Amino acid sequence: PYLGVRYLIVNEAVAEREKLPVRYGALLRGTEAGPAVIPGSPAERAKFQAEDIILEINGVKINEENPLGSLIQKYNIDEVINLKLRRGSEILDFKVVLAERPA
């Protein structure tokens, strides 16, 4: 299963350094390897944006003990998951259909 994002796990140190309003989640951020939201991915189809913070998947908080990648692996390709996301000061809910990871 594949969501199609690059991210930084949010913890106390990251939240402090980046001046984030939350202390947990997955901050969508591009790297030299590519953009935060991979073109053609389920995340792009759901209209995720760089600097969004994914807070929860199906009610489970994303943190160092429950990183985004590990939580995604608990689901199946074509399964619909509910994500809670913070964009600026808004909390948004998304339903996303997971895809197969491209080769």
C-alpha atoms as a PDB file:
ATOM      1  CA  PRO A   1       0.000   0.000   0.000  1.00  0.00           C
ATOM      2  CA  TYR A   2       1.188   3.444  -0.974  1.00  0.00           C
ATOM      3  CA  LEU A   3       0.136   6.992  -0.080  1.00  0.00           C
ATOM      4  CA  GLY A   4       2.827   8.913  -1.962  1.00  0.00           C
ATOM      5  CA  VAL A   5       4.318  11.496   0.390  1.00  0.00           C
ATOM      6  CA  ARG A   6       7.722  12.487   1.733  1.00  0.00           C
ATOM      7  CA  TYR A   7       7.589  13.536   5.340  1.00  0.00           C
ATOM      8  CA  LEU A   8       9.325  14.382   8.563  1.00  0.00           C
ATOM      9  CA  ILE A   9       8.021  12.817  11.784  1.00  0.00           C
ATOM     10  CA  VAL A  10       7.005  15.563  14.193  1.00  0.00           C
ATOM     11  CA  ASN A  11       8.342  15.284  17.744  1.00  0.00           C
ATOM     12  CA  GLU A  12       9.109  17.913  20.405  1.00  0.00           C
ATOM     13  CA  ALA A  13      12.424  18.938  18.795  1.00  0.00           C
ATOM     14  CA  VAL A  14      10.992  19.204  15.261  1.00  0.00           C
ATOM     15  CA  ALA A  15       7.908  21.060  16.508  1.00  0.00           C
ATOM     16  CA  GLU A  16      10.113  23.551  18.359  1.00  0.00           C
ATOM     17  CA  ARG A  17      12.568  24.056  15.479  1.00  0.00           C
ATOM     18  CA  GLU A  18       9.832  24.429  12.833  1.00  0.00           C
ATOM     19  CA  LYS A  19       7.504  26.410  15.134  1.00  0.00           C
ATOM     20  CA  LEU A  20       4.674  23.931  14.554  1.00  0.00           C
ATOM     21  CA  PRO A  21       1.334  24.137  16.384  1.00  0.00           C
ATOM     22  CA  VAL A  22       1.351  20.369  17.153  1.00  0.00           C
ATOM     23  CA  ARG A  23       3.850  17.951  18.732  1.00  0.00           C
ATOM     24  CA  TYR A  24       2.982  14.862  16.665  1.00  0.00           C
ATOM     25  CA  GLY A  25       2.186  13.912  13.090  1.00  0.00           C
ATOM     26  CA  ALA A  26       3.908  13.680   9.714  1.00  0.00           C
ATOM     27  CA  LEU A  27       4.968  17.024   8.228  1.00  0.00           C
ATOM     28  CA  LEU A  28       4.787  16.755   4.426  1.00  0.00           C
ATOM     29  CA  ARG A  29       8.034  18.152   3.119  1.00  0.00           C
ATOM     30  CA  GLY A  30      10.013  17.622  -0.052  1.00  0.00           C
ATOM     31  CA  THR A  31      13.702  16.731  -0.139  1.00  0.00           C
ATOM     32  CA  GLU A  32      16.421  16.698  -2.759  1.00  0.00           C
ATOM     33  CA  ALA A  33      14.910  13.311  -3.746  1.00  0.00           C
ATOM     34  CA  GLY A  34      11.628  14.918  -4.765  1.00  0.00           C
ATOM     35  CA  PRO A  35       8.500  16.817  -3.786  1.00  0.00           C
ATOM     36  CA  ALA A  36       6.474  16.360  -0.583  1.00  0.00           C
ATOM     37  CA  VAL A  37       3.480  15.030  -2.537  1.00  0.00           C
ATOM     38  CA  ILE A  38       4.439  12.579  -5.269  1.00  0.00           C
ATOM     39  CA  PRO A  39       2.816  13.336  -8.653  1.00  0.00           C
ATOM     40  CA  GLY A  40       0.122  10.803  -9.593  1.00  0.00           C
ATOM     41  CA  SER A  41      -0.071   9.396  -6.046  1.00  0.00           C
ATOM     42  CA  PRO A  42      -3.159   8.871  -3.861  1.00  0.00           C
ATOM     43  CA  ALA A  43      -1.976  11.864  -1.795  1.00  0.00           C
ATOM     44  CA  GLU A  44      -1.917  14.087  -4.881  1.00  0.00           C
ATOM     45  CA  ARG A  45      -5.387  12.892  -5.918  1.00  0.00           C
ATOM     46  CA  ALA A  46      -6.616  13.779  -2.409  1.00  0.00           C
ATOM     47  CA  LYS A  47      -5.116  17.304  -2.872  1.00  0.00           C
ATOM     48  CA  PHE A  48      -2.541  17.050  -0.081  1.00  0.00           C
ATOM     49  CA  GLN A  49      -0.061  19.935  -0.032  1.00  0.00           C
ATOM     50  CA  ALA A  50       3.516  20.456   1.094  1.00  0.00           C
ATOM     51  CA  GLU A  51       3.642  21.578   4.744  1.00  0.00           C
ATOM     52  CA  ASP A  52       0.357  19.810   5.599  1.00  0.00           C
ATOM     53  CA  ILE A  53       0.682  17.743   8.783  1.00  0.00           C
ATOM     54  CA  ILE A  54      -1.008  14.339   8.753  1.00  0.00           C
ATOM     55  CA  LEU A  55      -2.127  13.855  12.349  1.00  0.00           C
ATOM     56  CA  GLU A  56      -4.008  10.542  12.350  1.00  0.00           C
ATOM     57  CA  ILE A  57      -4.895   7.534  10.244  1.00  0.00           C
ATOM     58  CA  ASN A  58      -8.202   5.914  11.184  1.00  0.00           C
ATOM     59  CA  GLY A  59      -8.007   7.541  14.616  1.00  0.00           C
ATOM     60  CA  VAL A  60      -4.408   6.463  15.394  1.00  0.00           C
ATOM     61  CA  LYS A  61      -2.038   9.364  16.096  1.00  0.00           C
ATOM     62  CA  ILE A  62       1.113   9.476  13.998  1.00  0.00           C
ATOM     63  CA  ASN A  63       4.247   9.792  16.131  1.00  0.00           C
ATOM     64  CA  GLU A  64       7.686   8.228  16.570  1.00  0.00           C
ATOM     65  CA  GLU A  65       6.118   5.010  17.933  1.00  0.00           C
ATOM     66  CA  ASN A  66       3.525   4.935  15.121  1.00  0.00           C
ATOM     67  CA  PRO A  67       5.241   6.441  12.054  1.00  0.00           C
ATOM     68  CA  LEU A  68       3.183   7.063   8.936  1.00  0.00           C
ATOM     69  CA  GLY A  69       4.940   4.384   6.868  1.00  0.00           C
ATOM     70  CA  SER A  70       4.315   1.670   9.466  1.00  0.00           C
ATOM     71  CA  LEU A  71       0.648   2.608   9.844  1.00  0.00           C
ATOM     72  CA  ILE A  72       0.094   2.557   6.057  1.00  0.00           C
ATOM     73  CA  GLN A  73       1.537  -0.977   5.892  1.00  0.00           C
ATOM     74  CA  LYS A  74      -1.293  -2.247   8.125  1.00  0.00           C
ATOM     75  CA  TYR A  75      -3.746  -1.655   5.272  1.00  0.00           C
ATOM     76  CA  ASN A  76      -4.257  -3.120   1.819  1.00  0.00           C
ATOM     77  CA  ILE A  77      -4.034  -1.767  -1.697  1.00  0.00           C
ATOM     78  CA  ASP A  78      -7.395  -0.207  -2.706  1.00  0.00           C
ATOM     79  CA  GLU A  79      -8.415   0.142   0.957  1.00  0.00           C
ATOM     80  CA  VAL A  80      -9.958   3.466   1.996  1.00  0.00           C
ATOM     81  CA  ILE A  81      -8.354   5.120   5.011  1.00  0.00           C
ATOM     82  CA  ASN A  82      -9.440   8.215   6.928  1.00  0.00           C
ATOM     83  CA  LEU A  83      -6.750  10.801   7.540  1.00  0.00           C
ATOM     84  CA  LYS A  84      -6.927  13.805   9.836  1.00  0.00           C
ATOM     85  CA  LEU A  85      -4.718  16.584   8.553  1.00  0.00           C
ATOM     86  CA  ARG A  86      -3.723  20.036   9.725  1.00  0.00           C
ATOM     87  CA  ARG A  87      -3.354  22.729   7.065  1.00  0.00           C
ATOM     88  CA  GLY A  88      -2.466  26.086   8.575  1.00  0.00           C
ATOM     89  CA  SER A  89      -4.992  26.566  11.389  1.00  0.00           C
ATOM     90  CA  GLU A  90      -7.573  24.170   9.897  1.00  0.00           C
ATOM     91  CA  ILE A  91      -8.136  20.520  10.784  1.00  0.00           C
ATOM     92  CA  LEU A  92      -9.358  18.611   7.729  1.00  0.00           C
ATOM     93  CA  ASP A  93     -10.614  15.059   7.222  1.00  0.00           C
ATOM     94  CA  PHE A  94      -9.768  13.116   4.081  1.00  0.00           C
ATOM     95  CA  LYS A  95     -10.695   9.704   2.736  1.00  0.00           C
ATOM     96  CA  VAL A  96      -7.895   8.265   0.630  1.00  0.00           C
ATOM     97  CA  VAL A  97      -7.751   5.060  -1.421  1.00  0.00           C
ATOM     98  CA  LEU A  98      -4.332   3.432  -1.059  1.00  0.00           C
ATOM     99  CA  ALA A  99      -2.623   2.365  -4.283  1.00  0.00           C
ATOM    100  CA  GLU A 100       0.067  -0.130  -5.165  1.00  0.00           C
ATOM    101  CA  ARG A 101       3.569   1.280  -4.800  1.00  0.00           C
ATOM    102  CA  PRO A 102       4.998   2.041  -8.256  1.00  0.00           C
ATOM    103  CA  ALA A 103       7.947  -0.081  -9.334  1.00  0.00           C
END
